[in-house]
Amino acid sequence: MFEKGGYIVYGTTGVCEIEDTTSPNIEGVPGNRLYYVLNPCFKKGNRIFTPVDNEKVVIRAVMTQEEAASLVDEIPHIEELWEKDDKVRELRYKEAIRSCNPREWIQIIKTSYQRQQQRKAAGKKATTVDERYFKAAEEHLYAELSIALGVPKDEVRDYIQKRLGKEQGN
């Protein structure tokens, strides 16, 4: 069980702060069942009540600072999700987003970026699917890295570029 005040990744909602753990007095809800009260960190105004033992949605701890820094260092070595068939690629993107696995989000970002560059070089526009999943993966990754590293979300891209540039001697 996660502690009050801690941060978790809650499915496709993303990073949430645990406001409380409680047994709500709501009709139809068993009184002995514990619920998390969650506040999404980057979607203000929402409040989520979810069972502590919820098995339908991925609930996991946010990366530690060390894990986040290590993940950033691994980015150049994480493989793309090359799939020629557009429908299969979209399914893989969707599964990767739902997995709540930061490495899979990076795979989407790298794949979508490479595809966008290739299409641009061929005089074509990026596909809607690539753009949509690129943005979703980037949103999830940057939100978690922001909390883990203590860096404002809008500065995470710069943090990654500086860290990788320094590592590669650029």
N, C-alpha and C. Protein backbone atom coordinates (compact mmCIF):
# COMPACT_ATOMS: atom_id res chain seq x y z
N MET A 1 0.85 -1.18 0.00
CA MET A 1 0.00 0.00 0.00
C MET A 1 0.89 1.25 0.00
N PHE A 2 0.44 2.26 -0.71
CA PHE A 2 1.20 3.50 -0.82
C PHE A 2 0.79 4.46 0.29
N GLU A 3 1.70 5.34 0.65
CA GLU A 3 1.50 6.26 1.77
C GLU A 3 0.86 7.58 1.33
N LYS A 4 0.09 8.15 2.24
CA LYS A 4 -0.49 9.48 2.05
C LYS A 4 0.64 10.48 1.77
N GLY A 5 0.42 11.33 0.76
CA GLY A 5 1.43 12.32 0.39
C GLY A 5 2.42 11.82 -0.64
N GLY A 6 2.38 10.51 -0.92
CA GLY A 6 3.28 9.95 -1.92
C GLY A 6 2.75 10.14 -3.33
N TYR A 7 3.56 9.80 -4.29
CA TYR A 7 3.17 9.92 -5.70
C TYR A 7 3.13 8.55 -6.35
N ILE A 8 2.10 8.35 -7.18
CA ILE A 8 1.96 7.11 -7.92
C ILE A 8 1.60 7.42 -9.36
N VAL A 9 1.79 6.43 -10.21
CA VAL A 9 1.27 6.50 -11.57
C VAL A 9 -0.03 5.70 -11.54
N TYR A 10 -1.12 6.35 -11.94
CA TYR A 10 -2.43 5.72 -11.94
C TYR A 10 -2.93 5.59 -13.38
N GLY A 11 -2.69 4.43 -13.96
CA GLY A 11 -3.14 4.16 -15.32
C GLY A 11 -2.80 5.28 -16.29
N THR A 12 -3.71 5.51 -17.23
CA THR A 12 -3.46 6.54 -18.23
C THR A 12 -3.76 7.94 -17.70
N THR A 13 -4.22 8.03 -16.46
CA THR A 13 -4.39 9.35 -15.84
C THR A 13 -3.02 9.98 -15.61
N GLY A 14 -2.05 9.15 -15.26
CA GLY A 14 -0.70 9.64 -15.05
C GLY A 14 -0.36 9.80 -13.58
N VAL A 15 0.54 10.72 -13.30
CA VAL A 15 1.06 10.90 -11.94
C VAL A 15 0.01 11.57 -11.06
N CYS A 16 -0.21 10.96 -9.89
CA CYS A 16 -1.16 11.49 -8.91
C CYS A 16 -0.51 11.52 -7.54
N GLU A 17 -0.93 12.49 -6.74
CA GLU A 17 -0.53 12.52 -5.34
C GLU A 17 -1.62 11.84 -4.53
N ILE A 18 -1.21 11.04 -3.56
CA ILE A 18 -2.18 10.36 -2.70
C ILE A 18 -2.59 11.33 -1.60
N GLU A 19 -3.81 11.80 -1.69
CA GLU A 19 -4.34 12.74 -0.70
C GLU A 19 -4.71 12.02 0.59
N ASP A 20 -5.24 10.80 0.44
CA ASP A 20 -5.70 10.08 1.61
C ASP A 20 -5.95 8.62 1.25
N THR A 21 -6.06 7.79 2.28
CA THR A 21 -6.52 6.42 2.16
C THR A 21 -7.68 6.31 3.13
N THR A 22 -8.86 5.92 2.62
CA THR A 22 -10.05 5.99 3.44
C THR A 22 -11.05 4.90 3.06
N SER A 23 -12.01 4.68 3.94
CA SER A 23 -13.17 3.84 3.65
C SER A 23 -14.35 4.79 3.52
N PRO A 24 -14.70 5.19 2.30
CA PRO A 24 -15.75 6.20 2.13
C PRO A 24 -17.11 5.70 2.58
N ASN A 25 -17.89 6.61 3.10
CA ASN A 25 -19.24 6.31 3.54
C ASN A 25 -20.19 6.60 2.38
N ILE A 26 -20.14 5.71 1.38
CA ILE A 26 -20.95 5.88 0.18
C ILE A 26 -21.82 4.64 0.01
N GLU A 27 -23.09 4.87 -0.27
CA GLU A 27 -24.02 3.76 -0.45
C GLU A 27 -23.54 2.86 -1.59
N GLY A 28 -23.55 1.56 -1.34
CA GLY A 28 -23.13 0.60 -2.35
C GLY A 28 -21.66 0.24 -2.28
N VAL A 29 -20.90 0.96 -1.46
CA VAL A 29 -19.48 0.68 -1.31
C VAL A 29 -19.27 -0.01 0.03
N PRO A 30 -18.69 -1.21 0.02
CA PRO A 30 -18.46 -1.91 1.30
C PRO A 30 -17.64 -1.05 2.26
N GLY A 31 -18.08 -0.95 3.49
CA GLY A 31 -17.43 -0.10 4.48
C GLY A 31 -16.04 -0.53 4.87
N ASN A 32 -15.70 -1.77 4.61
CA ASN A 32 -14.38 -2.26 4.99
C ASN A 32 -13.36 -2.19 3.84
N ARG A 33 -13.76 -1.66 2.71
CA ARG A 33 -12.85 -1.58 1.56
C ARG A 33 -12.13 -0.23 1.56
N LEU A 34 -10.80 -0.28 1.48
CA LEU A 34 -10.00 0.94 1.48
C LEU A 34 -9.88 1.52 0.07
N TYR A 35 -9.92 2.84 0.01
CA TYR A 35 -9.79 3.57 -1.25
C TYR A 35 -8.69 4.60 -1.13
N TYR A 36 -7.98 4.83 -2.25
CA TYR A 36 -7.08 5.96 -2.35
C TYR A 36 -7.90 7.15 -2.83
N VAL A 37 -7.60 8.31 -2.28
CA VAL A 37 -8.12 9.57 -2.81
C VAL A 37 -6.93 10.20 -3.51
N LEU A 38 -7.04 10.35 -4.83
CA LEU A 38 -5.91 10.80 -5.64
C LEU A 38 -6.17 12.16 -6.27
N ASN A 39 -5.13 12.96 -6.33
CA ASN A 39 -5.17 14.24 -7.04
C ASN A 39 -4.17 14.17 -8.18
N PRO A 40 -4.66 14.13 -9.43
CA PRO A 40 -3.72 14.14 -10.56
C PRO A 40 -2.86 15.39 -10.52
N CYS A 41 -1.56 15.22 -10.68
CA CYS A 41 -0.62 16.34 -10.54
C CYS A 41 -0.71 17.35 -11.67
N PHE A 42 -1.02 16.89 -12.86
CA PHE A 42 -1.00 17.80 -14.01
C PHE A 42 -2.36 17.94 -14.67
N LYS A 43 -3.41 17.50 -13.98
CA LYS A 43 -4.78 17.67 -14.45
C LYS A 43 -5.57 18.21 -13.27
N LYS A 44 -5.37 19.46 -12.99
CA LYS A 44 -5.95 20.08 -11.80
C LYS A 44 -7.48 20.07 -11.84
N GLY A 45 -8.06 20.03 -10.66
CA GLY A 45 -9.51 20.08 -10.53
C GLY A 45 -10.16 18.71 -10.50
N ASN A 46 -9.39 17.67 -10.74
CA ASN A 46 -9.93 16.31 -10.70
C ASN A 46 -9.56 15.66 -9.38
N ARG A 47 -10.40 14.75 -8.96
CA ARG A 47 -10.14 13.96 -7.76
C ARG A 47 -10.60 12.55 -8.08
N ILE A 48 -9.80 11.58 -7.76
CA ILE A 48 -10.11 10.20 -8.11
C ILE A 48 -10.19 9.36 -6.84
N PHE A 49 -11.23 8.53 -6.77
CA PHE A 49 -11.37 7.55 -5.70
C PHE A 49 -11.19 6.19 -6.36
N THR A 50 -10.24 5.41 -5.88
CA THR A 50 -10.01 4.09 -6.46
C THR A 50 -9.66 3.10 -5.35
N PRO A 51 -10.17 1.88 -5.45
CA PRO A 51 -9.84 0.89 -4.43
C PRO A 51 -8.34 0.65 -4.35
N VAL A 52 -7.85 0.49 -3.14
CA VAL A 52 -6.44 0.20 -2.91
C VAL A 52 -6.05 -1.09 -3.63
N ASP A 53 -6.98 -2.03 -3.69
CA ASP A 53 -6.70 -3.33 -4.31
C ASP A 53 -7.19 -3.40 -5.77
N ASN A 54 -7.33 -2.27 -6.41
CA ASN A 54 -7.78 -2.20 -7.80
C ASN A 54 -6.83 -2.98 -8.71
N GLU A 55 -7.35 -3.97 -9.41
CA GLU A 55 -6.52 -4.76 -10.32
C GLU A 55 -6.81 -4.45 -11.78
N LYS A 56 -7.75 -3.54 -12.03
CA LYS A 56 -8.12 -3.20 -13.41
C LYS A 56 -7.25 -2.09 -13.98
N VAL A 57 -6.65 -1.30 -13.11
CA VAL A 57 -5.84 -0.16 -13.54
C VAL A 57 -4.44 -0.33 -12.96
N VAL A 58 -3.44 -0.02 -13.78
CA VAL A 58 -2.05 -0.07 -13.29
C VAL A 58 -1.87 1.02 -12.24
N ILE A 59 -1.41 0.61 -11.07
CA ILE A 59 -1.06 1.56 -10.01
C ILE A 59 0.35 1.17 -9.56
N ARG A 60 1.27 2.10 -9.73
CA ARG A 60 2.66 1.81 -9.34
C ARG A 60 3.30 3.08 -8.80
N ALA A 61 4.38 2.88 -8.06
CA ALA A 61 5.13 4.01 -7.51
C ALA A 61 5.80 4.78 -8.64
N VAL A 62 5.94 6.08 -8.44
CA VAL A 62 6.71 6.91 -9.36
C VAL A 62 8.18 6.52 -9.20
N MET A 63 8.93 6.62 -10.28
CA MET A 63 10.37 6.31 -10.22
C MET A 63 11.06 7.14 -9.14
N THR A 64 12.13 6.60 -8.61
CA THR A 64 12.98 7.39 -7.72
C THR A 64 13.83 8.32 -8.57
N GLN A 65 14.49 9.26 -7.93
CA GLN A 65 15.36 10.18 -8.65
C GLN A 65 16.48 9.41 -9.36
N GLU A 66 17.03 8.42 -8.69
CA GLU A 66 18.11 7.62 -9.28
C GLU A 66 17.61 6.82 -10.48
N GLU A 67 16.43 6.22 -10.35
CA GLU A 67 15.85 5.46 -11.46
C GLU A 67 15.57 6.37 -12.65
N ALA A 68 15.08 7.57 -12.38
CA ALA A 68 14.78 8.52 -13.45
C ALA A 68 16.05 8.94 -14.18
N ALA A 69 17.09 9.26 -13.44
CA ALA A 69 18.36 9.67 -14.06
C ALA A 69 18.94 8.51 -14.88
N SER A 70 18.85 7.31 -14.36
CA SER A 70 19.34 6.13 -15.07
C SER A 70 18.54 5.89 -16.35
N LEU A 71 17.22 6.07 -16.28
CA LEU A 71 16.37 5.91 -17.46
C LEU A 71 16.76 6.91 -18.54
N VAL A 72 16.97 8.15 -18.15
CA VAL A 72 17.38 9.17 -19.13
C VAL A 72 18.70 8.75 -19.78
N ASP A 73 19.63 8.24 -19.00
CA ASP A 73 20.92 7.80 -19.55
C ASP A 73 20.75 6.64 -20.53
N GLU A 74 19.70 5.84 -20.35
CA GLU A 74 19.46 4.68 -21.21
C GLU A 74 18.78 5.04 -22.53
N ILE A 75 18.22 6.23 -22.63
CA ILE A 75 17.42 6.60 -23.81
C ILE A 75 18.10 6.25 -25.14
N PRO A 76 19.38 6.58 -25.32
CA PRO A 76 20.00 6.26 -26.62
C PRO A 76 20.02 4.76 -26.94
N HIS A 77 19.91 3.92 -25.93
CA HIS A 77 20.01 2.47 -26.11
C HIS A 77 18.65 1.78 -26.18
N ILE A 78 17.58 2.52 -25.98
CA ILE A 78 16.23 1.93 -26.03
C ILE A 78 15.80 1.87 -27.49
N GLU A 79 15.39 0.67 -27.91
CA GLU A 79 15.02 0.43 -29.31
C GLU A 79 13.67 1.05 -29.66
N GLU A 80 13.53 1.39 -30.94
CA GLU A 80 12.25 1.87 -31.45
C GLU A 80 11.28 0.69 -31.61
N LEU A 81 10.01 1.00 -31.84
CA LEU A 81 8.98 -0.02 -32.07
C LEU A 81 8.69 -0.13 -33.56
N TRP A 82 9.64 -0.57 -34.34
CA TRP A 82 9.41 -0.59 -35.79
C TRP A 82 8.39 -1.64 -36.15
N GLU A 83 7.35 -1.18 -36.81
CA GLU A 83 6.27 -2.04 -37.28
C GLU A 83 5.76 -1.43 -38.57
N LYS A 84 5.85 -2.18 -39.66
CA LYS A 84 5.45 -1.64 -40.96
C LYS A 84 3.95 -1.42 -41.07
N ASP A 85 3.18 -2.34 -40.52
CA ASP A 85 1.72 -2.25 -40.64
C ASP A 85 1.18 -1.16 -39.71
N ASP A 86 0.48 -0.18 -40.29
CA ASP A 86 -0.02 0.96 -39.52
C ASP A 86 -0.96 0.56 -38.40
N LYS A 87 -1.87 -0.38 -38.67
CA LYS A 87 -2.84 -0.80 -37.65
C LYS A 87 -2.15 -1.53 -36.50
N VAL A 88 -1.20 -2.38 -36.83
CA VAL A 88 -0.46 -3.11 -35.80
C VAL A 88 0.37 -2.13 -34.97
N ARG A 89 0.99 -1.16 -35.64
CA ARG A 89 1.79 -0.16 -34.92
C ARG A 89 0.90 0.63 -33.96
N GLU A 90 -0.29 1.02 -34.41
CA GLU A 90 -1.20 1.76 -33.52
C GLU A 90 -1.58 0.91 -32.31
N LEU A 91 -1.84 -0.38 -32.52
CA LEU A 91 -2.15 -1.27 -31.39
C LEU A 91 -0.97 -1.36 -30.42
N ARG A 92 0.24 -1.43 -30.95
CA ARG A 92 1.44 -1.49 -30.10
C ARG A 92 1.60 -0.19 -29.32
N TYR A 93 1.33 0.94 -29.98
CA TYR A 93 1.38 2.23 -29.29
C TYR A 93 0.37 2.24 -28.14
N LYS A 94 -0.85 1.82 -28.43
CA LYS A 94 -1.92 1.84 -27.43
C LYS A 94 -1.55 0.96 -26.24
N GLU A 95 -1.04 -0.24 -26.52
CA GLU A 95 -0.61 -1.14 -25.44
C GLU A 95 0.53 -0.53 -24.63
N ALA A 96 1.44 0.14 -25.29
CA ALA A 96 2.58 0.75 -24.60
C ALA A 96 2.12 1.87 -23.68
N ILE A 97 1.17 2.68 -24.12
CA ILE A 97 0.64 3.74 -23.27
C ILE A 97 -0.04 3.13 -22.05
N ARG A 98 -0.87 2.13 -22.28
CA ARG A 98 -1.60 1.48 -21.18
C ARG A 98 -0.70 0.73 -20.22
N SER A 99 0.48 0.32 -20.67
CA SER A 99 1.39 -0.45 -19.82
C SER A 99 1.93 0.38 -18.66
N CYS A 100 1.94 1.71 -18.84
CA CYS A 100 2.50 2.62 -17.84
C CYS A 100 3.99 2.35 -17.61
N ASN A 101 4.66 1.87 -18.64
CA ASN A 101 6.08 1.56 -18.57
C ASN A 101 6.86 2.67 -19.27
N PRO A 102 7.66 3.42 -18.54
CA PRO A 102 8.40 4.54 -19.13
C PRO A 102 9.29 4.15 -20.31
N ARG A 103 9.86 2.96 -20.29
CA ARG A 103 10.70 2.53 -21.41
C ARG A 103 9.86 2.38 -22.68
N GLU A 104 8.65 1.90 -22.53
CA GLU A 104 7.76 1.77 -23.68
C GLU A 104 7.30 3.15 -24.17
N TRP A 105 7.14 4.11 -23.26
CA TRP A 105 6.81 5.47 -23.69
C TRP A 105 7.96 6.03 -24.52
N ILE A 106 9.18 5.76 -24.09
CA ILE A 106 10.35 6.23 -24.84
C ILE A 106 10.39 5.58 -26.22
N GLN A 107 10.04 4.30 -26.29
CA GLN A 107 9.99 3.64 -27.60
C GLN A 107 9.00 4.34 -28.53
N ILE A 108 7.85 4.71 -28.02
CA ILE A 108 6.86 5.43 -28.84
C ILE A 108 7.44 6.76 -29.30
N ILE A 109 8.03 7.50 -28.38
CA ILE A 109 8.58 8.82 -28.71
C ILE A 109 9.65 8.68 -29.79
N LYS A 110 10.56 7.74 -29.61
CA LYS A 110 11.64 7.57 -30.59
C LYS A 110 11.10 7.12 -31.95
N THR A 111 10.17 6.17 -31.93
CA THR A 111 9.60 5.67 -33.19
C THR A 111 8.84 6.76 -33.91
N SER A 112 7.97 7.45 -33.20
CA SER A 112 7.17 8.51 -33.81
C SER A 112 8.05 9.62 -34.36
N TYR A 113 9.06 9.99 -33.60
CA TYR A 113 9.97 11.05 -34.05
C TYR A 113 10.69 10.63 -35.33
N GLN A 114 11.22 9.41 -35.35
CA GLN A 114 11.92 8.92 -36.55
C GLN A 114 10.99 8.86 -37.75
N ARG A 115 9.76 8.39 -37.52
CA ARG A 115 8.79 8.32 -38.62
C ARG A 115 8.44 9.72 -39.12
N GLN A 116 8.28 10.66 -38.20
CA GLN A 116 7.97 12.04 -38.61
C GLN A 116 9.11 12.61 -39.44
N GLN A 117 10.35 12.35 -39.04
CA GLN A 117 11.50 12.85 -39.78
C GLN A 117 11.58 12.23 -41.18
N GLN A 118 11.31 10.93 -41.26
CA GLN A 118 11.33 10.25 -42.56
C GLN A 118 10.24 10.80 -43.48
N ARG A 119 9.05 10.99 -42.92
CA ARG A 119 7.94 11.49 -43.73
C ARG A 119 8.21 12.93 -44.17
N LYS A 120 8.77 13.71 -43.28
CA LYS A 120 9.11 15.11 -43.61
C LYS A 120 10.13 15.15 -44.75
N ALA A 121 11.14 14.29 -44.67
CA ALA A 121 12.17 14.22 -45.72
C ALA A 121 11.58 13.80 -47.07
N ALA A 122 10.49 13.03 -47.01
CA ALA A 122 9.83 12.57 -48.24
C ALA A 122 8.75 13.56 -48.69
N GLY A 123 8.66 14.71 -48.01
CA GLY A 123 7.68 15.72 -48.37
C GLY A 123 6.27 15.40 -47.90
N LYS A 124 6.15 14.53 -46.90
CA LYS A 124 4.83 14.15 -46.37
C LYS A 124 4.66 14.69 -44.96
N LYS A 125 3.38 14.76 -44.56
CA LYS A 125 3.07 15.17 -43.19
C LYS A 125 3.17 13.96 -42.26
N ALA A 126 3.34 14.25 -40.99
CA ALA A 126 3.31 13.19 -39.97
C ALA A 126 1.89 12.63 -39.90
N THR A 127 1.78 11.35 -39.56
CA THR A 127 0.45 10.76 -39.44
C THR A 127 -0.20 11.21 -38.13
N THR A 128 -1.51 11.24 -38.13
CA THR A 128 -2.26 11.61 -36.93
C THR A 128 -1.96 10.64 -35.79
N VAL A 129 -1.84 9.36 -36.11
CA VAL A 129 -1.55 8.35 -35.09
C VAL A 129 -0.20 8.62 -34.44
N ASP A 130 0.82 8.87 -35.25
CA ASP A 130 2.15 9.15 -34.70
C ASP A 130 2.12 10.40 -33.83
N GLU A 131 1.46 11.45 -34.30
CA GLU A 131 1.40 12.69 -33.52
C GLU A 131 0.67 12.49 -32.21
N ARG A 132 -0.48 11.80 -32.24
CA ARG A 132 -1.29 11.59 -31.04
C ARG A 132 -0.53 10.79 -29.98
N TYR A 133 0.08 9.68 -30.40
CA TYR A 133 0.77 8.83 -29.43
C TYR A 133 2.10 9.44 -29.00
N PHE A 134 2.74 10.19 -29.86
CA PHE A 134 3.95 10.92 -29.48
C PHE A 134 3.63 11.86 -28.33
N LYS A 135 2.56 12.64 -28.49
CA LYS A 135 2.16 13.60 -27.45
C LYS A 135 1.77 12.90 -26.16
N ALA A 136 1.02 11.80 -26.27
CA ALA A 136 0.60 11.07 -25.07
C ALA A 136 1.80 10.49 -24.33
N ALA A 137 2.71 9.86 -25.06
CA ALA A 137 3.89 9.26 -24.44
C ALA A 137 4.77 10.33 -23.80
N GLU A 138 4.94 11.44 -24.51
CA GLU A 138 5.75 12.54 -24.00
C GLU A 138 5.12 13.12 -22.72
N GLU A 139 3.81 13.28 -22.73
CA GLU A 139 3.09 13.80 -21.56
C GLU A 139 3.31 12.91 -20.35
N HIS A 140 3.12 11.60 -20.52
CA HIS A 140 3.29 10.66 -19.41
C HIS A 140 4.74 10.62 -18.91
N LEU A 141 5.67 10.54 -19.85
CA LEU A 141 7.09 10.46 -19.48
C LEU A 141 7.55 11.72 -18.77
N TYR A 142 7.24 12.88 -19.34
CA TYR A 142 7.69 14.14 -18.75
C TYR A 142 7.05 14.38 -17.39
N ALA A 143 5.80 13.98 -17.22
CA ALA A 143 5.13 14.15 -15.93
C ALA A 143 5.84 13.34 -14.85
N GLU A 144 6.13 12.08 -15.16
CA GLU A 144 6.79 11.24 -14.16
C GLU A 144 8.22 11.70 -13.89
N LEU A 145 8.96 12.04 -14.94
CA LEU A 145 10.33 12.52 -14.74
C LEU A 145 10.33 13.83 -13.95
N SER A 146 9.35 14.67 -14.18
CA SER A 146 9.25 15.94 -13.46
C SER A 146 9.16 15.71 -11.95
N ILE A 147 8.27 14.82 -11.56
CA ILE A 147 8.10 14.53 -10.13
C ILE A 147 9.35 13.83 -9.58
N ALA A 148 9.85 12.83 -10.30
CA ALA A 148 10.99 12.05 -9.81
C ALA A 148 12.26 12.89 -9.69
N LEU A 149 12.47 13.78 -10.65
CA LEU A 149 13.71 14.56 -10.68
C LEU A 149 13.59 15.92 -9.99
N GLY A 150 12.36 16.32 -9.67
CA GLY A 150 12.16 17.64 -9.06
C GLY A 150 12.41 18.77 -10.05
N VAL A 151 12.11 18.51 -11.31
CA VAL A 151 12.30 19.48 -12.39
C VAL A 151 10.92 19.89 -12.90
N PRO A 152 10.66 21.19 -13.12
CA PRO A 152 9.36 21.57 -13.69
C PRO A 152 9.12 20.81 -15.01
N LYS A 153 7.88 20.40 -15.21
CA LYS A 153 7.55 19.57 -16.38
C LYS A 153 7.98 20.22 -17.69
N ASP A 154 7.82 21.53 -17.78
CA ASP A 154 8.17 22.20 -19.03
C ASP A 154 9.69 22.33 -19.24
N GLU A 155 10.47 21.87 -18.26
CA GLU A 155 11.93 21.90 -18.40
C GLU A 155 12.54 20.50 -18.55
N VAL A 156 11.68 19.47 -18.56
CA VAL A 156 12.18 18.10 -18.63
C VAL A 156 12.90 17.83 -19.95
N ARG A 157 12.35 18.31 -21.06
CA ARG A 157 13.00 18.08 -22.36
C ARG A 157 14.42 18.65 -22.35
N ASP A 158 14.58 19.88 -21.83
CA ASP A 158 15.91 20.49 -21.75
C ASP A 158 16.84 19.68 -20.84
N TYR A 159 16.29 19.19 -19.72
CA TYR A 159 17.08 18.36 -18.80
C TYR A 159 17.62 17.13 -19.54
N ILE A 160 16.73 16.46 -20.29
CA ILE A 160 17.13 15.26 -21.02
C ILE A 160 18.21 15.59 -22.04
N GLN A 161 17.99 16.65 -22.81
CA GLN A 161 18.96 17.02 -23.84
C GLN A 161 20.32 17.37 -23.24
N LYS A 162 20.31 18.11 -22.14
CA LYS A 162 21.58 18.48 -21.50
C LYS A 162 22.28 17.24 -20.94
N ARG A 163 21.52 16.38 -20.28
CA ARG A 163 22.12 15.19 -19.69
C ARG A 163 22.69 14.27 -20.77
N LEU A 164 21.96 14.07 -21.84
CA LEU A 164 22.45 13.20 -22.92
C LEU A 164 23.57 13.86 -23.69
N GLY A 165 23.50 15.16 -23.86
CA GLY A 165 24.58 15.88 -24.55
C GLY A 165 25.87 15.79 -23.79
N LYS A 166 25.77 15.91 -22.46
CA LYS A 166 26.95 15.83 -21.60
C LYS A 166 27.53 14.42 -21.65
N GLU A 167 26.64 13.40 -21.61
CA GLU A 167 27.09 12.01 -21.62
C GLU A 167 27.79 11.65 -22.93
N GLN A 168 27.32 12.25 -24.03
CA GLN A 168 27.87 11.92 -25.34
C GLN A 168 29.01 12.85 -25.72
N GLY A 169 29.35 13.78 -24.84
CA GLY A 169 30.46 14.68 -25.10
C GLY A 169 30.13 15.78 -26.09
N ASN A 170 28.84 16.09 -26.26
CA ASN A 170 28.44 17.18 -27.18
C ASN A 170 28.52 18.52 -26.51
